[in-house]
Amino acid sequence: MRVLSGIQPTGRFHWGNYFGAIRQYIALQNEEESYYFIANLHALNTIRDPAVLRELTLEAAIDLLALGLDPEKATLFVQSDVPEVSELCWLLMTGAPMGLLERCHAYKDKKERGLTAEAGLFTYPVLMAADILAYDANIVPVGHDQVQHIEVCRDLAGSFNHQFGEVFVLPKSKVLDDSAKVPGTDGEKMSKSYDNTIGLFEDPKKARKKIMRITTDSRPMAEPKDPQTDHLYQLYSLFADAAQREAMAEKYRAGGFGYGEVKKALANAAEAYFSEARQRREHLVAHPEEVRQVLAAGAKKARKKAGEVLLRAQRACGVATE
């Protein structure tokens, strides 16, 4: 079985990215053949500064490697380093129904808000389909908001297969764990668009200040509280072990404590949790040539596989000779 997923370099990774997706990518590399790419072509829909895009692409690779993505187990590469995917995207585009793309939520939501939608956003699901089909991926880990795009991929692949023969493997989505939903500093879902994130590798003092400013309710210290309904406890639970979680839950249920105590415990736990990754990252930042070598090796392997699939599709539809 082959697992494939991509992550956009539209900003520095935060706790929500890690617990919502990256941690699960790293776990899957130990179970299946894994391909992971940094989706810089998709990021062009939102980032129009070339220097920023290049910087964020490299930073994303550094972060993924620091967090434990192992190039001996998983293939890591940059999306644009595999031009075969863009060629495959056009083959799929020629058979992509307009109505199918008009129903995709990213485009539909933007139009409903009266905003201008570029062709890149409209055809985003087709490029995503090419990303997946190019590697004969069986499993695609995604959040709930991306499941529709996997269905579009299956529709496009199924239609192509129906017209030209069995060319593409039809992938299945693996919905990422809902329990990993991470609240932000305001209690809402952690997201760059809400400006409520805590970065994975931002300065510890800056991160601690953000943690100490996390929004809490105004109930008096003496009042018992339900830990399961408190977003501060949910954050602490991401970093604590079972014994630490239960001890903190007991404090909530007993009352007589301040939220400042929980915030300090959270800051300490988070700093310890990422300490080894932070050390690995410092090494990679000092040796960017190592990161580029990993990406080049990953792209070489990815291009080999994508080239095989592209040629298969080209021969099937008649744009390549037998």
Protein backbone atom coordinates (compact mmCIF):
# COMPACT_ATOMS: atom_id res chain seq x y z
CA MET A 1 0.00 0.00 0.00
CA ARG A 2 1.22 3.47 -0.85
CA VAL A 3 0.32 6.56 1.23
CA LEU A 4 0.52 10.05 -0.24
CA SER A 5 -0.22 13.49 1.14
CA GLY A 6 0.86 17.07 0.60
CA ILE A 7 1.09 20.12 2.82
CA GLN A 8 1.03 23.71 1.60
CA PRO A 9 3.85 26.08 2.58
CA THR A 10 1.54 29.03 3.16
CA GLY A 11 3.01 29.88 6.57
CA ARG A 12 5.08 28.45 9.38
CA PHE A 13 3.62 25.30 10.93
CA HIS A 14 1.76 25.57 14.23
CA TRP A 15 0.43 23.19 16.87
CA GLY A 16 -2.72 22.58 14.85
CA ASN A 17 -0.73 21.45 11.80
CA TYR A 18 1.32 19.06 13.89
CA PHE A 19 -1.39 17.36 15.94
CA GLY A 20 -3.96 17.54 13.15
CA ALA A 21 -1.81 16.06 10.38
CA ILE A 22 1.99 15.99 10.59
CA ARG A 23 2.15 13.68 13.61
CA GLN A 24 -0.04 11.18 11.76
CA TYR A 25 2.05 11.42 8.59
CA ILE A 26 5.11 10.50 10.62
CA ALA A 27 3.32 7.53 12.20
CA LEU A 28 2.22 6.25 8.78
CA GLN A 29 5.78 6.21 7.43
CA ASN A 30 6.42 3.25 9.71
CA GLU A 31 3.49 1.26 8.33
CA GLU A 32 3.24 1.91 4.59
CA GLU A 33 5.29 3.14 1.63
CA SER A 34 4.92 6.90 2.00
CA TYR A 35 5.22 9.88 -0.34
CA TYR A 36 4.92 13.38 1.15
CA PHE A 37 5.30 16.58 -0.81
CA ILE A 38 5.41 20.29 -0.14
CA ALA A 39 2.62 21.70 -2.30
CA ASN A 40 4.19 24.91 -3.58
CA LEU A 41 2.13 24.91 -6.80
CA HIS A 42 -1.07 24.91 -4.76
CA ALA A 43 0.39 27.65 -2.54
CA LEU A 44 0.59 29.95 -5.59
CA ASN A 45 -3.14 30.45 -5.18
CA THR A 46 -2.42 32.55 -2.08
CA ILE A 47 1.29 33.51 -2.12
CA ARG A 48 2.40 35.81 -4.93
CA ASP A 49 5.82 36.81 -3.56
CA PRO A 50 8.49 34.48 -5.04
CA ALA A 51 11.02 35.07 -2.25
CA VAL A 52 8.42 34.29 0.41
CA LEU A 53 7.31 31.11 -1.37
CA ARG A 54 10.89 29.86 -1.73
CA GLU A 55 11.63 30.58 1.91
CA LEU A 56 8.47 28.92 3.21
CA THR A 57 9.05 25.87 1.00
CA LEU A 58 12.50 25.30 2.48
CA GLU A 59 11.27 26.03 6.01
CA ALA A 60 8.50 23.45 5.57
CA ALA A 61 11.05 20.80 4.57
CA ILE A 62 13.26 21.67 7.53
CA ASP A 63 10.32 21.48 9.93
CA LEU A 64 9.08 18.13 8.61
CA LEU A 65 12.53 16.56 8.90
CA ALA A 66 13.06 18.04 12.36
CA LEU A 67 9.72 16.66 13.53
CA GLY A 68 10.68 13.13 12.54
CA LEU A 69 9.91 12.56 8.88
CA ASP A 70 12.61 10.04 7.95
CA PRO A 71 13.89 10.13 4.33
CA GLU A 72 14.99 6.51 4.78
CA LYS A 73 11.33 5.57 5.28
CA ALA A 74 9.35 8.23 3.41
CA THR A 75 9.88 10.08 0.13
CA LEU A 76 9.87 13.84 0.74
CA PHE A 77 9.92 16.24 -2.22
CA VAL A 78 8.71 19.57 -3.55
CA GLN A 79 5.65 19.43 -5.80
CA SER A 80 7.10 21.61 -8.58
CA ASP A 81 10.18 19.39 -8.82
CA VAL A 82 7.98 16.75 -10.47
CA PRO A 83 6.77 18.42 -13.71
CA GLU A 84 5.12 15.17 -14.79
CA VAL A 85 2.30 16.01 -12.38
CA SER A 86 1.48 19.22 -14.24
CA GLU A 87 1.41 17.32 -17.54
CA LEU A 88 -0.88 14.72 -16.03
CA CYS A 89 -3.10 17.49 -14.69
CA TRP A 90 -3.80 18.64 -18.27
CA LEU A 91 -4.81 15.15 -19.38
CA LEU A 92 -7.30 15.04 -16.50
CA MET A 93 -8.44 18.61 -17.16
CA THR A 94 -9.62 17.75 -20.67
CA GLY A 95 -12.21 15.40 -19.19
CA ALA A 96 -13.11 17.29 -16.01
CA PRO A 97 -16.80 18.35 -16.00
CA MET A 98 -17.34 22.05 -15.21
CA GLY A 99 -20.28 21.20 -12.97
CA LEU A 100 -18.16 18.89 -10.84
CA LEU A 101 -15.58 21.62 -10.22
CA GLU A 102 -18.25 24.28 -9.60
CA ARG A 103 -19.57 22.18 -6.70
CA CYS A 104 -16.20 21.96 -4.95
CA HIS A 105 -16.41 23.82 -1.65
CA ALA A 106 -13.28 26.03 -1.90
CA TYR A 107 -14.46 27.60 -5.15
CA LYS A 108 -18.14 27.58 -4.19
CA ASP A 109 -17.52 29.27 -0.82
CA LYS A 110 -15.47 32.05 -2.38
CA LYS A 111 -18.09 32.73 -5.05
CA GLU A 112 -20.88 32.78 -2.46
CA ARG A 113 -18.95 35.45 -0.55
CA GLY A 114 -18.80 37.55 -3.70
CA LEU A 115 -15.03 37.20 -4.04
CA THR A 116 -13.07 36.80 -7.25
CA ALA A 117 -11.95 33.23 -7.86
CA GLU A 118 -8.97 32.59 -10.12
CA ALA A 119 -8.71 29.60 -12.43
CA GLY A 120 -6.08 28.12 -10.10
CA LEU A 121 -8.63 27.83 -7.30
CA PHE A 122 -11.30 26.51 -9.68
CA THR A 123 -9.02 23.77 -11.01
CA TYR A 124 -7.32 23.08 -7.67
CA PRO A 125 -9.08 19.68 -7.31
CA VAL A 126 -7.76 18.55 -10.72
CA LEU A 127 -4.16 19.31 -9.78
CA MET A 128 -4.77 17.57 -6.47
CA ALA A 129 -6.06 14.55 -8.38
CA ALA A 130 -2.90 14.54 -10.51
CA ASP A 131 -0.81 14.77 -7.33
CA ILE A 132 -2.44 11.58 -6.09
CA LEU A 133 -2.79 9.57 -9.29
CA ALA A 134 0.79 10.20 -10.42
CA TYR A 135 2.12 7.85 -7.74
CA ASP A 136 -0.54 5.10 -7.83
CA ALA A 137 -1.43 6.12 -4.29
CA ASN A 138 -3.83 3.83 -2.45
CA ILE A 139 -4.37 5.91 0.70
CA VAL A 140 -4.57 9.69 1.08
CA PRO A 141 -4.66 11.06 4.66
CA VAL A 142 -6.86 14.18 4.68
CA GLY A 143 -9.00 16.28 6.96
CA HIS A 144 -12.78 16.28 6.62
CA ASP A 145 -12.62 19.42 4.46
CA GLN A 146 -10.57 17.58 1.81
CA VAL A 147 -12.64 14.40 1.52
CA GLN A 148 -14.69 15.96 -1.30
CA HIS A 149 -11.50 16.44 -3.33
CA ILE A 150 -10.61 12.77 -2.97
CA GLU A 151 -14.05 11.92 -4.35
CA VAL A 152 -13.39 14.27 -7.28
CA CYS A 153 -10.08 12.48 -7.84
CA ARG A 154 -11.85 9.13 -7.91
CA ASP A 155 -14.47 10.51 -10.34
CA LEU A 156 -11.83 11.87 -12.72
CA ALA A 157 -9.75 8.69 -12.55
CA GLY A 158 -12.82 6.50 -13.02
CA SER A 159 -13.94 8.50 -16.06
CA PHE A 160 -10.45 8.33 -17.62
CA ASN A 161 -10.30 4.58 -16.98
CA HIS A 162 -13.74 4.12 -18.52
CA GLN A 163 -12.71 5.95 -21.70
CA PHE A 164 -9.15 4.72 -22.13
CA GLY A 165 -8.70 1.54 -20.10
CA GLU A 166 -7.46 0.75 -16.61
CA VAL A 167 -4.78 3.42 -16.24
CA PHE A 168 -5.21 4.84 -12.73
CA VAL A 169 -5.39 3.33 -9.27
CA LEU A 170 -8.48 4.65 -7.47
CA PRO A 171 -7.37 5.99 -4.07
CA LYS A 172 -9.22 5.98 -0.79
CA SER A 173 -9.21 8.77 1.77
CA LYS A 174 -8.01 8.21 5.32
CA VAL A 175 -9.74 10.85 7.40
CA LEU A 176 -7.39 12.25 10.02
CA ASP A 177 -8.30 11.83 13.66
CA ASP A 178 -11.01 14.28 14.76
CA SER A 179 -9.75 14.11 18.32
CA ALA A 180 -6.63 15.95 17.15
CA LYS A 181 -8.63 19.16 16.59
CA VAL A 182 -6.53 21.79 18.30
CA PRO A 183 -8.06 24.90 19.88
CA GLY A 184 -6.29 28.21 19.31
CA THR A 185 -5.45 30.91 21.80
CA ASP A 186 -9.04 32.22 21.56
CA GLY A 187 -10.69 28.80 21.99
CA GLU A 188 -11.64 28.52 18.31
CA LYS A 189 -9.95 26.03 15.97
CA MET A 190 -6.27 26.91 15.63
CA SER A 191 -5.80 28.46 12.19
CA LYS A 192 -3.58 31.07 10.56
CA SER A 193 -6.72 32.72 9.19
CA TYR A 194 -7.94 33.34 12.76
CA ASP A 195 -4.54 34.66 13.94
CA ASN A 196 -4.76 32.40 16.99
CA THR A 197 -1.82 30.05 16.43
CA ILE A 198 1.23 29.03 18.42
CA GLY A 199 4.14 28.14 16.17
CA LEU A 200 5.96 24.84 16.51
CA PHE A 201 9.37 26.45 16.53
CA GLU A 202 8.78 30.04 17.46
CA ASP A 203 10.90 31.56 20.22
CA PRO A 204 10.01 29.82 23.54
CA LYS A 205 9.62 33.14 25.35
CA LYS A 206 7.25 34.42 22.67
CA ALA A 207 5.29 31.15 22.75
CA ARG A 208 5.05 31.33 26.54
CA LYS A 209 3.64 34.87 26.33
CA LYS A 210 0.99 33.65 23.88
CA ILE A 211 0.10 30.79 26.20
CA MET A 212 -0.25 33.12 29.18
CA ARG A 213 -2.68 35.25 27.14
CA ILE A 214 -4.94 32.31 26.18
CA THR A 215 -8.58 33.23 26.70
CA THR A 216 -10.26 31.61 29.72
CA ASP A 217 -13.62 32.00 31.44
CA SER A 218 -14.20 34.22 34.46
CA ARG A 219 -15.34 31.59 36.95
CA PRO A 220 -13.86 32.04 40.46
CA MET A 221 -10.84 29.96 41.47
CA ALA A 222 -12.77 28.01 44.11
CA GLU A 223 -15.40 26.74 41.66
CA PRO A 224 -14.98 23.15 40.35
CA LYS A 225 -14.66 22.92 36.57
CA ASP A 226 -15.20 20.23 33.94
CA PRO A 227 -11.84 19.61 32.25
CA GLN A 228 -13.41 18.03 29.16
CA THR A 229 -15.14 21.28 28.20
CA ASP A 230 -12.13 23.53 28.75
CA HIS A 231 -9.92 24.36 25.76
CA LEU A 232 -6.91 25.09 27.97
CA TYR A 233 -7.11 21.56 29.36
CA GLN A 234 -7.50 20.20 25.82
CA LEU A 235 -4.25 21.90 24.84
CA TYR A 236 -2.45 20.59 27.91
CA SER A 237 -3.69 17.07 27.13
CA LEU A 238 -1.89 17.13 23.76
CA PHE A 239 1.49 17.29 25.51
CA ALA A 240 0.91 15.48 28.80
CA ASP A 241 1.02 11.76 29.48
CA ALA A 242 -1.94 9.85 30.94
CA ALA A 243 -0.88 10.36 34.58
CA GLN A 244 -0.30 14.09 34.09
CA ARG A 245 -3.67 14.50 32.35
CA GLU A 246 -5.51 12.75 35.17
CA ALA A 247 -3.71 14.79 37.83
CA MET A 248 -4.64 18.01 36.06
CA ALA A 249 -8.24 16.82 35.57
CA GLU A 250 -8.50 16.21 39.31
CA LYS A 251 -7.45 19.80 39.98
CA TYR A 252 -10.20 21.00 37.64
CA ARG A 253 -12.83 18.88 39.35
CA ALA A 254 -11.70 19.90 42.84
CA GLY A 255 -11.48 23.62 42.12
CA GLY A 256 -9.35 26.00 44.12
CA PHE A 257 -6.77 26.67 41.41
CA GLY A 258 -6.06 29.42 38.91
CA TYR A 259 -5.81 29.11 35.14
CA GLY A 260 -2.34 30.64 35.37
CA GLU A 261 -1.17 27.40 36.95
CA VAL A 262 -2.45 25.40 33.97
CA LYS A 263 -0.90 27.83 31.50
CA LYS A 264 2.53 27.48 33.12
CA ALA A 265 2.20 23.69 33.06
CA LEU A 266 1.18 23.85 29.39
CA ALA A 267 4.14 26.06 28.46
CA ASN A 268 6.58 23.75 30.24
CA ALA A 269 5.07 20.62 28.69
CA ALA A 270 5.05 22.06 25.17
CA GLU A 271 8.66 23.25 25.42
CA ALA A 272 9.79 19.81 26.60
CA TYR A 273 7.71 18.02 23.95
CA PHE A 274 9.40 19.78 21.04
CA SER A 275 12.88 20.13 22.58
CA GLU A 276 14.47 17.29 20.58
CA ALA A 277 12.82 18.45 17.36
CA ARG A 278 14.08 21.97 18.06
CA GLN A 279 17.65 20.66 18.37
CA ARG A 280 17.35 18.74 15.10
CA ARG A 281 15.99 21.83 13.45
CA GLU A 282 18.93 23.96 14.59
CA HIS A 283 21.26 21.47 12.92
CA LEU A 284 19.27 21.48 9.67
CA VAL A 285 19.10 25.28 9.56
CA ALA A 286 22.90 25.34 9.88
CA HIS A 287 23.24 22.71 7.12
CA PRO A 288 20.59 23.53 4.47
CA GLU A 289 22.55 21.52 1.89
CA GLU A 290 21.46 18.37 3.75
CA VAL A 291 17.81 19.38 3.34
CA ARG A 292 18.26 20.12 -0.36
CA GLN A 293 19.92 16.74 -0.85
CA VAL A 294 16.93 15.01 0.77
CA LEU A 295 14.51 16.94 -1.46
CA ALA A 296 16.56 16.21 -4.59
CA ALA A 297 16.67 12.49 -3.80
CA GLY A 298 12.95 12.51 -3.07
CA ALA A 299 12.17 14.31 -6.33
CA LYS A 300 14.27 11.82 -8.30
CA LYS A 301 12.33 8.89 -6.87
CA ALA A 302 9.00 10.68 -7.28
CA ARG A 303 9.75 11.64 -10.90
CA LYS A 304 10.57 8.05 -11.76
CA LYS A 305 7.21 6.85 -10.50
CA ALA A 306 5.25 9.80 -11.89
CA GLY A 307 6.95 9.35 -15.28
CA GLU A 308 5.77 5.76 -15.46
CA VAL A 309 2.19 6.73 -14.68
CA LEU A 310 2.23 9.71 -17.06
CA LEU A 311 3.50 7.60 -19.94
CA ARG A 312 0.83 5.00 -19.20
CA ALA A 313 -1.83 7.72 -19.40
CA GLN A 314 -0.33 9.34 -22.51
CA ARG A 315 -0.25 6.06 -24.38
CA ALA A 316 -3.78 5.24 -23.31
CA CYS A 317 -5.28 8.48 -24.58
CA GLY A 318 -3.16 8.69 -27.72
CA VAL A 319 -0.79 11.60 -27.10
CA ALA A 320 2.24 9.28 -26.93
CA THR A 321 3.20 6.60 -29.44
CA GLU A 322 3.23 2.98 -28.39
